[in-house]
């Protein structure tokens, strides 16, 4: 069984910064891609950023330059540094990871965290 646990959300003023963390635990053989998604009230869940095991990153075009994703493979952890936050960044942020749990699970399976709420407001 695999669990993803996010932390670091909260209330921040516009222009402020937050750093989200997500740690995977359980029966993990390897973790390929890790990513952050977000879902604002009344909107669909959208990709924020992703990072491969080798460190290659991909960002939503609208977030480039303000957000930075990174990971620590030894800790099975992915981070999201969010700077210059805006009210429109308010959302629940979800961690997602492609994880192999056994040798037979060649392609891996996607797992989701429970989400951490980020509110940007004065």
PDB file of N, CA and C in Angstrom:
ATOM      1  N   UNK A   1       0.836  -1.186   0.000  1.00  0.00           N
ATOM      2  CA  UNK A   1       0.000   0.000   0.000  1.00  0.00           C
ATOM      3  C   UNK A   1       0.877   1.244   0.000  1.00  0.00           C
ATOM      4  N   UNK A   2       0.427   2.238  -0.750  1.00  0.00           N
ATOM      5  CA  UNK A   2       1.202   3.468  -0.889  1.00  0.00           C
ATOM      6  C   UNK A   2       0.387   4.652  -0.382  1.00  0.00           C
ATOM      7  N   UNK A   3       1.061   5.549   0.279  1.00  0.00           N
ATOM      8  CA  UNK A   3       0.431   6.796   0.724  1.00  0.00           C
ATOM      9  C   UNK A   3       1.255   7.987   0.280  1.00  0.00           C
ATOM     10  N   UNK A   4       0.551   9.039  -0.132  1.00  0.00           N
ATOM     11  CA  UNK A   4       1.179  10.321  -0.407  1.00  0.00           C
ATOM     12  C   UNK A   4       0.607  11.321   0.588  1.00  0.00           C
ATOM     13  N   UNK A   5       1.481  11.993   1.298  1.00  0.00           N
ATOM     14  CA  UNK A   5       1.030  12.943   2.308  1.00  0.00           C
ATOM     15  C   UNK A   5       1.626  14.305   2.000  1.00  0.00           C
ATOM     16  N   UNK A   6       0.728  15.274   1.774  1.00  0.00           N
ATOM     17  CA  UNK A   6       1.153  16.637   1.495  1.00  0.00           C
ATOM     18  C   UNK A   6       1.174  17.460   2.772  1.00  0.00           C
ATOM     19  N   UNK A   7       1.973  18.509   2.751  1.00  0.00           N
ATOM     20  CA  UNK A   7       2.001  19.461   3.853  1.00  0.00           C
ATOM     21  C   UNK A   7       2.478  20.807   3.323  1.00  0.00           C
ATOM     22  N   UNK A   8       2.279  21.843   4.136  1.00  0.00           N
ATOM     23  CA  UNK A   8       2.807  23.153   3.784  1.00  0.00           C
ATOM     24  C   UNK A   8       1.779  24.167   3.322  1.00  0.00           C
ATOM     25  N   UNK A   9       0.542  23.737   3.161  1.00  0.00           N
ATOM     26  CA  UNK A   9      -0.485  24.686   2.743  1.00  0.00           C
ATOM     27  C   UNK A   9      -0.860  25.626   3.874  1.00  0.00           C
ATOM     28  N   UNK A  10      -1.669  26.622   3.538  1.00  0.00           N
ATOM     29  CA  UNK A  10      -2.119  27.562   4.552  1.00  0.00           C
ATOM     30  C   UNK A  10      -2.576  28.863   3.937  1.00  0.00           C
ATOM     31  N   UNK A  11      -2.707  29.857   4.789  1.00  0.00           N
ATOM     32  CA  UNK A  11      -3.140  31.193   4.372  1.00  0.00           C
ATOM     33  C   UNK A  11      -1.919  32.079   4.196  1.00  0.00           C
ATOM     34  N   UNK A  12      -1.852  32.767   3.069  1.00  0.00           N
ATOM     35  CA  UNK A  12      -0.731  33.656   2.791  1.00  0.00           C
ATOM     36  C   UNK A  12      -1.259  34.894   2.099  1.00  0.00           C
ATOM     37  N   UNK A  13      -0.602  36.002   2.329  1.00  0.00           N
ATOM     38  CA  UNK A  13      -1.007  37.251   1.688  1.00  0.00           C
ATOM     39  C   UNK A  13      -0.518  37.297   0.241  1.00  0.00           C
ATOM     40  N   UNK A  14      -1.191  38.050  -0.595  1.00  0.00           N
ATOM     41  CA  UNK A  14      -0.713  38.217  -1.970  1.00  0.00           C
ATOM     42  C   UNK A  14       0.731  38.704  -1.991  1.00  0.00           C
ATOM     43  N   UNK A  15       1.508  38.105  -2.886  1.00  0.00           N
ATOM     44  CA  UNK A  15       2.925  38.426  -2.953  1.00  0.00           C
ATOM     45  C   UNK A  15       3.796  37.542  -2.092  1.00  0.00           C
ATOM     46  N   UNK A  16       3.178  36.763  -1.232  1.00  0.00           N
ATOM     47  CA  UNK A  16       3.931  35.899  -0.330  1.00  0.00           C
ATOM     48  C   UNK A  16       4.362  34.604  -0.977  1.00  0.00           C
ATOM     49  N   UNK A  17       4.995  33.753  -0.172  1.00  0.00           N
ATOM     50  CA  UNK A  17       5.526  32.482  -0.662  1.00  0.00           C
ATOM     51  C   UNK A  17       5.097  31.341   0.253  1.00  0.00           C
ATOM     52  N   UNK A  18       5.024  30.169  -0.329  1.00  0.00           N
ATOM     53  CA  UNK A  18       4.780  28.945   0.417  1.00  0.00           C
ATOM     54  C   UNK A  18       5.593  27.830  -0.228  1.00  0.00           C
ATOM     55  N   UNK A  19       5.931  26.847   0.586  1.00  0.00           N
ATOM     56  CA  UNK A  19       6.606  25.664   0.067  1.00  0.00           C
ATOM     57  C   UNK A  19       5.808  24.434   0.468  1.00  0.00           C
ATOM     58  N   UNK A  20       5.327  23.728  -0.521  1.00  0.00           N
ATOM     59  CA  UNK A  20       4.587  22.503  -0.283  1.00  0.00           C
ATOM     60  C   UNK A  20       5.526  21.308  -0.353  1.00  0.00           C
ATOM     61  N   UNK A  21       5.221  20.303   0.443  1.00  0.00           N
ATOM     62  CA  UNK A  21       5.975  19.050   0.420  1.00  0.00           C
ATOM     63  C   UNK A  21       5.015  17.887   0.278  1.00  0.00           C
ATOM     64  N   UNK A  22       5.490  16.834  -0.337  1.00  0.00           N
ATOM     65  CA  UNK A  22       4.705  15.612  -0.468  1.00  0.00           C
ATOM     66  C   UNK A  22       5.656  14.436  -0.370  1.00  0.00           C
ATOM     67  N   UNK A  23       5.385  13.555   0.578  1.00  0.00           N
ATOM     68  CA  UNK A  23       6.230  12.384   0.788  1.00  0.00           C
ATOM     69  C   UNK A  23       5.439  11.113   0.537  1.00  0.00           C
ATOM     70  N   UNK A  24       6.029  10.243  -0.245  1.00  0.00           N
ATOM     71  CA  UNK A  24       5.430   8.945  -0.529  1.00  0.00           C
ATOM     72  C   UNK A  24       6.004   7.898   0.418  1.00  0.00           C
ATOM     73  N   UNK A  25       5.143   7.016   0.894  1.00  0.00           N
ATOM     74  CA  UNK A  25       5.587   5.960   1.789  1.00  0.00           C
ATOM     75  C   UNK A  25       4.809   4.692   1.501  1.00  0.00           C
ATOM     76  N   UNK A  26       5.336   3.570   1.987  1.00  0.00           N
ATOM     77  CA  UNK A  26       4.673   2.291   1.783  1.00  0.00           C
ATOM     78  C   UNK A  26       5.541   1.359   0.969  1.00  0.00           C
ATOM     79  N   UNK A  27       4.883   0.448   0.273  1.00  0.00           N
ATOM     80  CA  UNK A  27       5.585  -0.562  -0.511  1.00  0.00           C
ATOM     81  C   UNK A  27       6.004   0.017  -1.865  1.00  0.00           C
ATOM     82  N   UNK A  28       7.114   0.726  -1.862  1.00  0.00           N
ATOM     83  CA  UNK A  28       7.577   1.437  -3.049  1.00  0.00           C
ATOM     84  C   UNK A  28       8.830   0.794  -3.594  1.00  0.00           C
ATOM     85  N   UNK A  29       8.768   0.407  -4.857  1.00  0.00           N
ATOM     86  CA  UNK A  29       9.963  -0.113  -5.523  1.00  0.00           C
ATOM     87  C   UNK A  29      10.720   1.042  -6.188  1.00  0.00           C
ATOM     88  N   UNK A  30       9.976   1.872  -6.887  1.00  0.00           N
ATOM     89  CA  UNK A  30      10.576   3.056  -7.503  1.00  0.00           C
ATOM     90  C   UNK A  30       9.481   4.068  -7.824  1.00  0.00           C
ATOM     91  N   UNK A  31       9.892   5.318  -7.926  1.00  0.00           N
ATOM     92  CA  UNK A  31       8.974   6.389  -8.278  1.00  0.00           C
ATOM     93  C   UNK A  31       9.466   7.052  -9.553  1.00  0.00           C
ATOM     94  N   UNK A  32       8.643   7.076 -10.559  1.00  0.00           N
ATOM     95  CA  UNK A  32       9.009   7.721 -11.806  1.00  0.00           C
ATOM     96  C   UNK A  32       8.655   9.205 -11.684  1.00  0.00           C
ATOM     97  N   UNK A  33       7.660   9.663 -12.397  1.00  0.00           N
ATOM     98  CA  UNK A  33       7.295  11.072 -12.350  1.00  0.00           C
ATOM     99  C   UNK A  33       6.549  11.415 -11.066  1.00  0.00           C
ATOM    100  N   UNK A  34       6.752  12.638 -10.603  1.00  0.00           N
ATOM    101  CA  UNK A  34       5.987  13.191  -9.498  1.00  0.00           C
ATOM    102  C   UNK A  34       5.466  14.546  -9.965  1.00  0.00           C
ATOM    103  N   UNK A  35       4.315  14.919  -9.465  1.00  0.00           N
ATOM    104  CA  UNK A  35       3.695  16.138  -9.973  1.00  0.00           C
ATOM    105  C   UNK A  35       2.819  16.795  -8.923  1.00  0.00           C
ATOM    106  N   UNK A  36       2.527  18.048  -9.175  1.00  0.00           N
ATOM    107  CA  UNK A  36       1.557  18.796  -8.387  1.00  0.00           C
ATOM    108  C   UNK A  36       0.420  19.233  -9.315  1.00  0.00           C
ATOM    109  N   UNK A  37      -0.782  19.043  -8.840  1.00  0.00           N
ATOM    110  CA  UNK A  37      -1.988  19.531  -9.495  1.00  0.00           C
ATOM    111  C   UNK A  37      -2.690  20.464  -8.518  1.00  0.00           C
ATOM    112  N   UNK A  38      -3.608  21.229  -9.040  1.00  0.00           N
ATOM    113  CA  UNK A  38      -4.425  22.050  -8.161  1.00  0.00           C
ATOM    114  C   UNK A  38      -5.852  22.128  -8.688  1.00  0.00           C
ATOM    115  N   UNK A  39      -6.758  22.363  -7.755  1.00  0.00           N
ATOM    116  CA  UNK A  39      -8.163  22.500  -8.115  1.00  0.00           C
ATOM    117  C   UNK A  39      -8.753  23.662  -7.343  1.00  0.00           C
ATOM    118  N   UNK A  40      -9.096  24.694  -8.086  1.00  0.00           N
ATOM    119  CA  UNK A  40      -9.729  25.859  -7.492  1.00  0.00           C
ATOM    120  C   UNK A  40     -11.236  25.621  -7.398  1.00  0.00           C
ATOM    121  N   UNK A  41     -11.902  26.337  -6.515  1.00  0.00           N
ATOM    122  CA  UNK A  41     -13.357  26.161  -6.369  1.00  0.00           C
ATOM    123  C   UNK A  41     -14.077  26.354  -7.689  1.00  0.00           C
ATOM    124  N   UNK A  42     -14.899  25.389  -8.046  1.00  0.00           N
ATOM    125  CA  UNK A  42     -15.676  25.479  -9.269  1.00  0.00           C
ATOM    126  C   UNK A  42     -14.918  25.223 -10.548  1.00  0.00           C
ATOM    127  N   UNK A  43     -13.675  24.799 -10.437  1.00  0.00           N
ATOM    128  CA  UNK A  43     -12.855  24.564 -11.632  1.00  0.00           C
ATOM    129  C   UNK A  43     -12.345  23.137 -11.659  1.00  0.00           C
ATOM    130  N   UNK A  44     -11.869  22.742 -12.828  1.00  0.00           N
ATOM    131  CA  UNK A  44     -11.314  21.411 -12.969  1.00  0.00           C
ATOM    132  C   UNK A  44      -9.899  21.363 -12.394  1.00  0.00           C
ATOM    133  N   UNK A  45      -9.501  20.177 -12.032  1.00  0.00           N
ATOM    134  CA  UNK A  45      -8.129  19.987 -11.566  1.00  0.00           C
ATOM    135  C   UNK A  45      -7.179  20.209 -12.745  1.00  0.00           C
ATOM    136  N   UNK A  46      -6.082  20.919 -12.479  1.00  0.00           N
ATOM    137  CA  UNK A  46      -5.124  21.227 -13.531  1.00  0.00           C
ATOM    138  C   UNK A  46      -3.703  20.921 -13.084  1.00  0.00           C
ATOM    139  N   UNK A  47      -2.869  20.600 -14.047  1.00  0.00           N
ATOM    140  CA  UNK A  47      -1.459  20.339 -13.763  1.00  0.00           C
ATOM    141  C   UNK A  47      -0.751  21.642 -13.435  1.00  0.00           C
ATOM    142  N   UNK A  48       0.008  21.621 -12.354  1.00  0.00           N
ATOM    143  CA  UNK A  48       0.839  22.764 -11.980  1.00  0.00           C
ATOM    144  C   UNK A  48       2.263  22.549 -12.503  1.00  0.00           C
ATOM    145  N   UNK A  49       2.831  21.413 -12.142  1.00  0.00           N
ATOM    146  CA  UNK A  49       4.205  21.107 -12.549  1.00  0.00           C
ATOM    147  C   UNK A  49       4.478  19.627 -12.330  1.00  0.00           C
ATOM    148  N   UNK A  50       5.447  19.120 -13.081  1.00  0.00           N
ATOM    149  CA  UNK A  50       5.856  17.731 -12.907  1.00  0.00           C
ATOM    150  C   UNK A  50       7.363  17.638 -12.985  1.00  0.00           C
ATOM    151  N   UNK A  51       7.895  16.550 -12.431  1.00  0.00           N
ATOM    152  CA  UNK A  51       9.345  16.333 -12.448  1.00  0.00           C
ATOM    153  C   UNK A  51       9.607  14.845 -12.586  1.00  0.00           C
ATOM    154  N   UNK A  52      10.530  14.491 -13.466  1.00  0.00           N
ATOM    155  CA  UNK A  52      10.895  13.087 -13.633  1.00  0.00           C
ATOM    156  C   UNK A  52      11.923  12.686 -12.579  1.00  0.00           C
ATOM    157  N   UNK A  53      12.196  11.406 -12.513  1.00  0.00           N
ATOM    158  CA  UNK A  53      13.188  10.935 -11.554  1.00  0.00           C
ATOM    159  C   UNK A  53      14.558  11.568 -11.825  1.00  0.00           C
ATOM    160  N   UNK A  54      14.829  11.823 -13.091  1.00  0.00           N
ATOM    161  CA  UNK A  54      16.113  12.414 -13.466  1.00  0.00           C
ATOM    162  C   UNK A  54      16.154  13.921 -13.235  1.00  0.00           C
ATOM    163  N   UNK A  55      14.997  14.514 -12.933  1.00  0.00           N
ATOM    164  CA  UNK A  55      14.988  15.937 -12.613  1.00  0.00           C
ATOM    165  C   UNK A  55      14.465  16.842 -13.709  1.00  0.00           C
ATOM    166  N   UNK A  56      14.010  16.280 -14.801  1.00  0.00           N
ATOM    167  CA  UNK A  56      13.429  17.114 -15.848  1.00  0.00           C
ATOM    168  C   UNK A  56      12.075  17.624 -15.407  1.00  0.00           C
ATOM    169  N   UNK A  57      11.845  18.905 -15.640  1.00  0.00           N
ATOM    170  CA  UNK A  57      10.634  19.539 -15.131  1.00  0.00           C
ATOM    171  C   UNK A  57       9.742  20.048 -16.259  1.00  0.00           C
ATOM    172  N   UNK A  58       8.478  20.169 -15.927  1.00  0.00           N
ATOM    173  CA  UNK A  58       7.490  20.715 -16.842  1.00  0.00           C
ATOM    174  C   UNK A  58       6.515  21.550 -16.028  1.00  0.00           C
ATOM    175  N   UNK A  59       6.137  22.720 -16.568  1.00  0.00           N
ATOM    176  CA  UNK A  59       5.269  23.631 -15.841  1.00  0.00           C
ATOM    177  C   UNK A  59       4.085  24.057 -16.703  1.00  0.00           C
ATOM    178  N   UNK A  60       2.996  24.381 -16.021  1.00  0.00           N
ATOM    179  CA  UNK A  60       1.912  25.073 -16.700  1.00  0.00           C
ATOM    180  C   UNK A  60       2.459  26.420 -17.156  1.00  0.00           C
ATOM    181  N   UNK A  61       2.171  26.786 -18.380  1.00  0.00           N
ATOM    182  CA  UNK A  61       2.744  28.006 -18.946  1.00  0.00           C
ATOM    183  C   UNK A  61       2.490  29.230 -18.066  1.00  0.00           C
ATOM    184  N   UNK A  62       1.324  29.308 -17.484  1.00  0.00           N
ATOM    185  CA  UNK A  62       0.952  30.494 -16.708  1.00  0.00           C
ATOM    186  C   UNK A  62       1.711  30.600 -15.387  1.00  0.00           C
ATOM    187  N   UNK A  63       2.398  29.525 -14.993  1.00  0.00           N
ATOM    188  CA  UNK A  63       3.070  29.515 -13.686  1.00  0.00           C
ATOM    189  C   UNK A  63       4.589  29.576 -13.785  1.00  0.00           C
ATOM    190  N   UNK A  64       5.092  29.494 -14.997  1.00  0.00           N
ATOM    191  CA  UNK A  64       6.549  29.541 -15.164  1.00  0.00           C
ATOM    192  C   UNK A  64       7.109  30.835 -14.594  1.00  0.00           C
ATOM    193  N   UNK A  65       8.190  30.685 -13.846  1.00  0.00           N
ATOM    194  CA  UNK A  65       8.835  31.844 -13.255  1.00  0.00           C
ATOM    195  C   UNK A  65       8.405  32.142 -11.831  1.00  0.00           C
ATOM    196  N   UNK A  66       7.230  31.659 -11.427  1.00  0.00           N
ATOM    197  CA  UNK A  66       6.775  31.888 -10.051  1.00  0.00           C
ATOM    198  C   UNK A  66       6.842  30.613  -9.207  1.00  0.00           C
ATOM    199  N   UNK A  67       6.625  29.483  -9.835  1.00  0.00           N
ATOM    200  CA  UNK A  67       6.622  28.208  -9.112  1.00  0.00           C
ATOM    201  C   UNK A  67       7.844  27.382  -9.526  1.00  0.00           C
ATOM    202  N   UNK A  68       8.341  26.597  -8.591  1.00  0.00           N
ATOM    203  CA  UNK A  68       9.461  25.709  -8.885  1.00  0.00           C
ATOM    204  C   UNK A  68       9.237  24.361  -8.219  1.00  0.00           C
ATOM    205  N   UNK A  69       9.342  23.307  -9.017  1.00  0.00           N
ATOM    206  CA  UNK A  69       9.177  21.952  -8.494  1.00  0.00           C
ATOM    207  C   UNK A  69      10.550  21.306  -8.361  1.00  0.00           C
ATOM    208  N   UNK A  70      10.715  20.511  -7.323  1.00  0.00           N
ATOM    209  CA  UNK A  70      11.955  19.770  -7.134  1.00  0.00           C
ATOM    210  C   UNK A  70      11.626  18.488  -6.375  1.00  0.00           C
ATOM    211  N   UNK A  71      12.583  17.575  -6.320  1.00  0.00           N
ATOM    212  CA  UNK A  71      12.348  16.326  -5.606  1.00  0.00           C
ATOM    213  C   UNK A  71      13.634  15.825  -4.979  1.00  0.00           C
ATOM    214  N   UNK A  72      13.437  15.044  -3.942  1.00  0.00           N
ATOM    215  CA  UNK A  72      14.539  14.378  -3.263  1.00  0.00           C
ATOM    216  C   UNK A  72      14.252  12.889  -3.371  1.00  0.00           C
ATOM    217  N   UNK A  73      14.940  12.215  -4.272  1.00  0.00           N
ATOM    218  CA  UNK A  73      14.653  10.797  -4.517  1.00  0.00           C
ATOM    219  C   UNK A  73      14.939   9.929  -3.292  1.00  0.00           C
ATOM    220  N   UNK A  74      15.935  10.308  -2.537  1.00  0.00           N
ATOM    221  CA  UNK A  74      16.286   9.520  -1.354  1.00  0.00           C
ATOM    222  C   UNK A  74      15.182   9.571  -0.297  1.00  0.00           C
ATOM    223  N   UNK A  75      14.417  10.661  -0.313  1.00  0.00           N
ATOM    224  CA  UNK A  75      13.347  10.831   0.676  1.00  0.00           C
ATOM    225  C   UNK A  75      11.964  10.574   0.085  1.00  0.00           C
ATOM    226  N   UNK A  76      11.902  10.205  -1.197  1.00  0.00           N
ATOM    227  CA  UNK A  76      10.608  10.001  -1.876  1.00  0.00           C
ATOM    228  C   UNK A  76       9.713  11.224  -1.719  1.00  0.00           C
ATOM    229  N   UNK A  77      10.309  12.374  -1.851  1.00  0.00           N
ATOM    230  CA  UNK A  77       9.602  13.625  -1.579  1.00  0.00           C
ATOM    231  C   UNK A  77       9.690  14.573  -2.766  1.00  0.00           C
ATOM    232  N   UNK A  78       8.584  15.232  -3.028  1.00  0.00           N
ATOM    233  CA  UNK A  78       8.543  16.271  -4.043  1.00  0.00           C
ATOM    234  C   UNK A  78       8.125  17.575  -3.374  1.00  0.00           C
ATOM    235  N   UNK A  79       8.686  18.673  -3.860  1.00  0.00           N
ATOM    236  CA  UNK A  79       8.426  19.994  -3.290  1.00  0.00           C
ATOM    237  C   UNK A  79       7.850  20.912  -4.358  1.00  0.00           C
ATOM    238  N   UNK A  80       7.126  21.908  -3.887  1.00  0.00           N
ATOM    239  CA  UNK A  80       6.660  22.964  -4.780  1.00  0.00           C
ATOM    240  C   UNK A  80       6.890  24.294  -4.069  1.00  0.00           C
ATOM    241  N   UNK A  81       7.832  25.051  -4.575  1.00  0.00           N
ATOM    242  CA  UNK A  81       8.087  26.391  -4.065  1.00  0.00           C
ATOM    243  C   UNK A  81       7.224  27.363  -4.847  1.00  0.00           C
ATOM    244  N   UNK A  82       6.384  28.082  -4.143  1.00  0.00           N
ATOM    245  CA  UNK A  82       5.458  29.010  -4.781  1.00  0.00           C
ATOM    246  C   UNK A  82       5.786  30.427  -4.323  1.00  0.00           C
ATOM    247  N   UNK A  83       6.123  31.288  -5.257  1.00  0.00           N
ATOM    248  CA  UNK A  83       6.481  32.674  -4.958  1.00  0.00           C
ATOM    249  C   UNK A  83       5.508  33.630  -5.627  1.00  0.00           C
ATOM    250  N   UNK A  84       5.522  34.852  -5.153  1.00  0.00           N
ATOM    251  CA  UNK A  84       4.664  35.904  -5.728  1.00  0.00           C
ATOM    252  C   UNK A  84       3.225  35.409  -5.877  1.00  0.00           C
ATOM    253  N   UNK A  85       2.708  34.840  -4.809  1.00  0.00           N
ATOM    254  CA  UNK A  85       1.384  34.239  -4.875  1.00  0.00           C
ATOM    255  C   UNK A  85       0.302  35.280  -5.111  1.00  0.00           C
ATOM    256  N   UNK A  86      -0.709  34.852  -5.845  1.00  0.00           N
ATOM    257  CA  UNK A  86      -1.837  35.712  -6.220  1.00  0.00           C
ATOM    258  C   UNK A  86      -3.133  35.085  -5.726  1.00  0.00           C
ATOM    259  N   UNK A  87      -4.164  35.873  -5.556  1.00  0.00           N
ATOM    260  CA  UNK A  87      -5.451  35.302  -5.119  1.00  0.00           C
ATOM    261  C   UNK A  87      -5.927  34.172  -6.043  1.00  0.00           C
ATOM    262  N   UNK A  88      -5.620  34.254  -7.311  1.00  0.00           N
ATOM    263  CA  UNK A  88      -6.052  33.207  -8.240  1.00  0.00           C
ATOM    264  C   UNK A  88      -5.279  31.895  -8.068  1.00  0.00           C
ATOM    265  N   UNK A  89      -4.249  31.893  -7.230  1.00  0.00           N
ATOM    266  CA  UNK A  89      -3.549  30.653  -6.907  1.00  0.00           C
ATOM    267  C   UNK A  89      -4.258  29.872  -5.798  1.00  0.00           C
ATOM    268  N   UNK A  90      -5.278  30.463  -5.233  1.00  0.00           N
ATOM    269  CA  UNK A  90      -6.048  29.784  -4.192  1.00  0.00           C
ATOM    270  C   UNK A  90      -6.668  28.508  -4.740  1.00  0.00           C
ATOM    271  N   UNK A  91      -6.379  27.395  -4.074  1.00  0.00           N
ATOM    272  CA  UNK A  91      -6.835  26.096  -4.550  1.00  0.00           C
ATOM    273  C   UNK A  91      -6.409  25.020  -3.556  1.00  0.00           C
ATOM    274  N   UNK A  92      -6.921  23.835  -3.777  1.00  0.00           N
ATOM    275  CA  UNK A  92      -6.381  22.666  -3.095  1.00  0.00           C
ATOM    276  C   UNK A  92      -5.306  22.084  -4.005  1.00  0.00           C
ATOM    277  N   UNK A  93      -4.137  21.878  -3.448  1.00  0.00           N
ATOM    278  CA  UNK A  93      -3.009  21.374  -4.219  1.00  0.00           C
ATOM    279  C   UNK A  93      -2.821  19.892  -3.903  1.00  0.00           C
ATOM    280  N   UNK A  94      -2.749  19.120  -4.970  1.00  0.00           N
ATOM    281  CA  UNK A  94      -2.645  17.665  -4.842  1.00  0.00           C
ATOM    282  C   UNK A  94      -1.309  17.169  -5.392  1.00  0.00           C
ATOM    283  N   UNK A  95      -0.745  16.220  -4.693  1.00  0.00           N
ATOM    284  CA  UNK A  95       0.462  15.538  -5.132  1.00  0.00           C
ATOM    285  C   UNK A  95       0.058  14.290  -5.912  1.00  0.00           C
ATOM    286  N   UNK A  96       0.814  14.001  -6.942  1.00  0.00           N
ATOM    287  CA  UNK A  96       0.556  12.829  -7.778  1.00  0.00           C
ATOM    288  C   UNK A  96       1.885  12.168  -8.091  1.00  0.00           C
ATOM    289  N   UNK A  97       1.907  10.848  -8.078  1.00  0.00           N
ATOM    290  CA  UNK A  97       3.156  10.152  -8.369  1.00  0.00           C
ATOM    291  C   UNK A  97       2.896   8.849  -9.108  1.00  0.00           C
ATOM    292  N   UNK A  98       3.793   8.527 -10.005  1.00  0.00           N
ATOM    293  CA  UNK A  98       3.753   7.259 -10.739  1.00  0.00           C
ATOM    294  C   UNK A  98       4.726   6.301 -10.054  1.00  0.00           C
ATOM    295  N   UNK A  99       4.174   5.280  -9.431  1.00  0.00           N
ATOM    296  CA  UNK A  99       4.954   4.439  -8.527  1.00  0.00           C
ATOM    297  C   UNK A  99       4.862   2.971  -8.918  1.00  0.00           C
ATOM    298  N   UNK A 100       6.019   2.338  -8.910  1.00  0.00           N
ATOM    299  CA  UNK A 100       6.068   0.887  -9.064  1.00  0.00           C
ATOM    300  C   UNK A 100       6.157   0.277  -7.675  1.00  0.00           C
ATOM    301  N   UNK A 101       5.269  -0.672  -7.435  1.00  0.00           N
ATOM    302  CA  UNK A 101       5.261  -1.299  -6.115  1.00  0.00           C
ATOM    303  C   UNK A 101       5.857  -2.700  -6.128  1.00  0.00           C
ATOM    304  N   UNK A 102       5.899  -3.332  -7.289  1.00  0.00           N
ATOM    305  CA  UNK A 102       6.492  -4.651  -7.401  1.00  0.00           C
ATOM    306  C   UNK A 102       7.222  -4.758  -8.742  1.00  0.00           C
ATOM    307  N   UNK A 103       8.030  -5.773  -8.883  1.00  0.00           N
ATOM    308  CA  UNK A 103       8.744  -5.990 -10.132  1.00  0.00           C
ATOM    309  C   UNK A 103       7.763  -6.236 -11.277  1.00  0.00           C
ATOM    310  N   UNK A 104       6.647  -6.895 -10.974  1.00  0.00           N
ATOM    311  CA  UNK A 104       5.661  -7.202 -12.009  1.00  0.00           C
ATOM    312  C   UNK A 104       4.887  -5.964 -12.450  1.00  0.00           C
ATOM    313  N   UNK A 105       4.834  -4.948 -11.614  1.00  0.00           N
ATOM    314  CA  UNK A 105       4.100  -3.722 -11.908  1.00  0.00           C
ATOM    315  C   UNK A 105       4.952  -2.829 -12.804  1.00  0.00           C
ATOM    316  N   UNK A 106       5.184  -3.269 -14.042  1.00  0.00           N
ATOM    317  CA  UNK A 106       6.185  -2.655 -14.903  1.00  0.00           C
ATOM    318  C   UNK A 106       5.898  -1.189 -15.197  1.00  0.00           C
ATOM    319  N   UNK A 107       4.658  -0.878 -15.510  1.00  0.00           N
ATOM    320  CA  UNK A 107       4.316   0.499 -15.889  1.00  0.00           C
ATOM    321  C   UNK A 107       4.032   1.393 -14.697  1.00  0.00           C
ATOM    322  N   UNK A 108       3.863   0.800 -13.531  1.00  0.00           N
ATOM    323  CA  UNK A 108       3.542   1.594 -12.350  1.00  0.00           C
ATOM    324  C   UNK A 108       2.079   1.991 -12.307  1.00  0.00           C
ATOM    325  N   UNK A 109       1.711   2.600 -11.203  1.00  0.00           N
ATOM    326  CA  UNK A 109       0.348   3.090 -11.011  1.00  0.00           C
ATOM    327  C   UNK A 109       0.403   4.503 -10.457  1.00  0.00           C
ATOM    328  N   UNK A 110      -0.635   5.283 -10.765  1.00  0.00           N
ATOM    329  CA  UNK A 110      -0.686   6.655 -10.266  1.00  0.00           C
ATOM    330  C   UNK A 110      -1.363   6.688  -8.901  1.00  0.00           C
ATOM    331  N   UNK A 111      -0.771   7.452  -8.023  1.00  0.00           N
ATOM    332  CA  UNK A 111      -1.325   7.649  -6.694  1.00  0.00           C
ATOM    333  C   UNK A 111      -1.500   9.138  -6.438  1.00  0.00           C
ATOM    334  N   UNK A 112      -2.517   9.438  -5.600  1.00  0.00           N
ATOM    335  CA  UNK A 112      -2.826  10.824  -5.260  1.00  0.00           C
ATOM    336  C   UNK A 112      -2.741  11.026  -3.753  1.00  0.00           C
ATOM    337  N   UNK A 113      -2.325  12.217  -3.385  1.00  0.00           N
ATOM    338  CA  UNK A 113      -2.418  12.616  -1.997  1.00  0.00           C
ATOM    339  C   UNK A 113      -3.807  13.153  -1.699  1.00  0.00           C
ATOM    340  N   UNK A 114      -4.019  13.516  -0.440  1.00  0.00           N
ATOM    341  CA  UNK A 114      -5.339  13.969  -0.014  1.00  0.00           C
ATOM    342  C   UNK A 114      -5.543  15.458  -0.282  1.00  0.00           C
ATOM    343  N   UNK A 115      -4.482  16.153  -0.612  1.00  0.00           N
ATOM    344  CA  UNK A 115      -4.571  17.575  -0.922  1.00  0.00           C
ATOM    345  C   UNK A 115      -4.234  18.455   0.264  1.00  0.00           C
ATOM    346  N   UNK A 116      -3.698  19.613  -0.046  1.00  0.00           N
ATOM    347  CA  UNK A 116      -3.424  20.626   0.978  1.00  0.00           C
ATOM    348  C   UNK A 116      -3.942  21.957   0.445  1.00  0.00           C
ATOM    349  N   UNK A 117      -4.645  22.664   1.287  1.00  0.00           N
ATOM    350  CA  UNK A 117      -5.318  23.886   0.846  1.00  0.00           C
ATOM    351  C   UNK A 117      -4.388  25.081   0.937  1.00  0.00           C
ATOM    352  N   UNK A 118      -4.370  25.857  -0.133  1.00  0.00           N
ATOM    353  CA  UNK A 118      -3.624  27.110  -0.183  1.00  0.00           C
ATOM    354  C   UNK A 118      -4.614  28.238  -0.428  1.00  0.00           C
ATOM    355  N   UNK A 119      -4.596  29.207   0.469  1.00  0.00           N
ATOM    356  CA  UNK A 119      -5.480  30.372   0.334  1.00  0.00           C
ATOM    357  C   UNK A 119      -4.629  31.630   0.279  1.00  0.00           C
ATOM    358  N   UNK A 120      -4.790  32.384  -0.784  1.00  0.00           N
ATOM    359  CA  UNK A 120      -4.045  33.630  -0.948  1.00  0.00           C
ATOM    360  C   UNK A 120      -5.030  34.784  -0.811  1.00  0.00           C
ATOM    361  N   UNK A 121      -4.893  35.492   0.289  1.00  0.00           N
ATOM    362  CA  UNK A 121      -5.853  36.546   0.587  1.00  0.00           C
ATOM    363  C   UNK A 121      -5.262  37.532   1.571  1.00  0.00           C
ATOM    364  N   UNK A 122      -5.669  38.774   1.441  1.00  0.00           N
ATOM    365  CA  UNK A 122      -5.236  39.795   2.391  1.00  0.00           C
ATOM    366  C   UNK A 122      -6.250  39.939   3.521  1.00  0.00           C
TER     367      UNK A 122
END
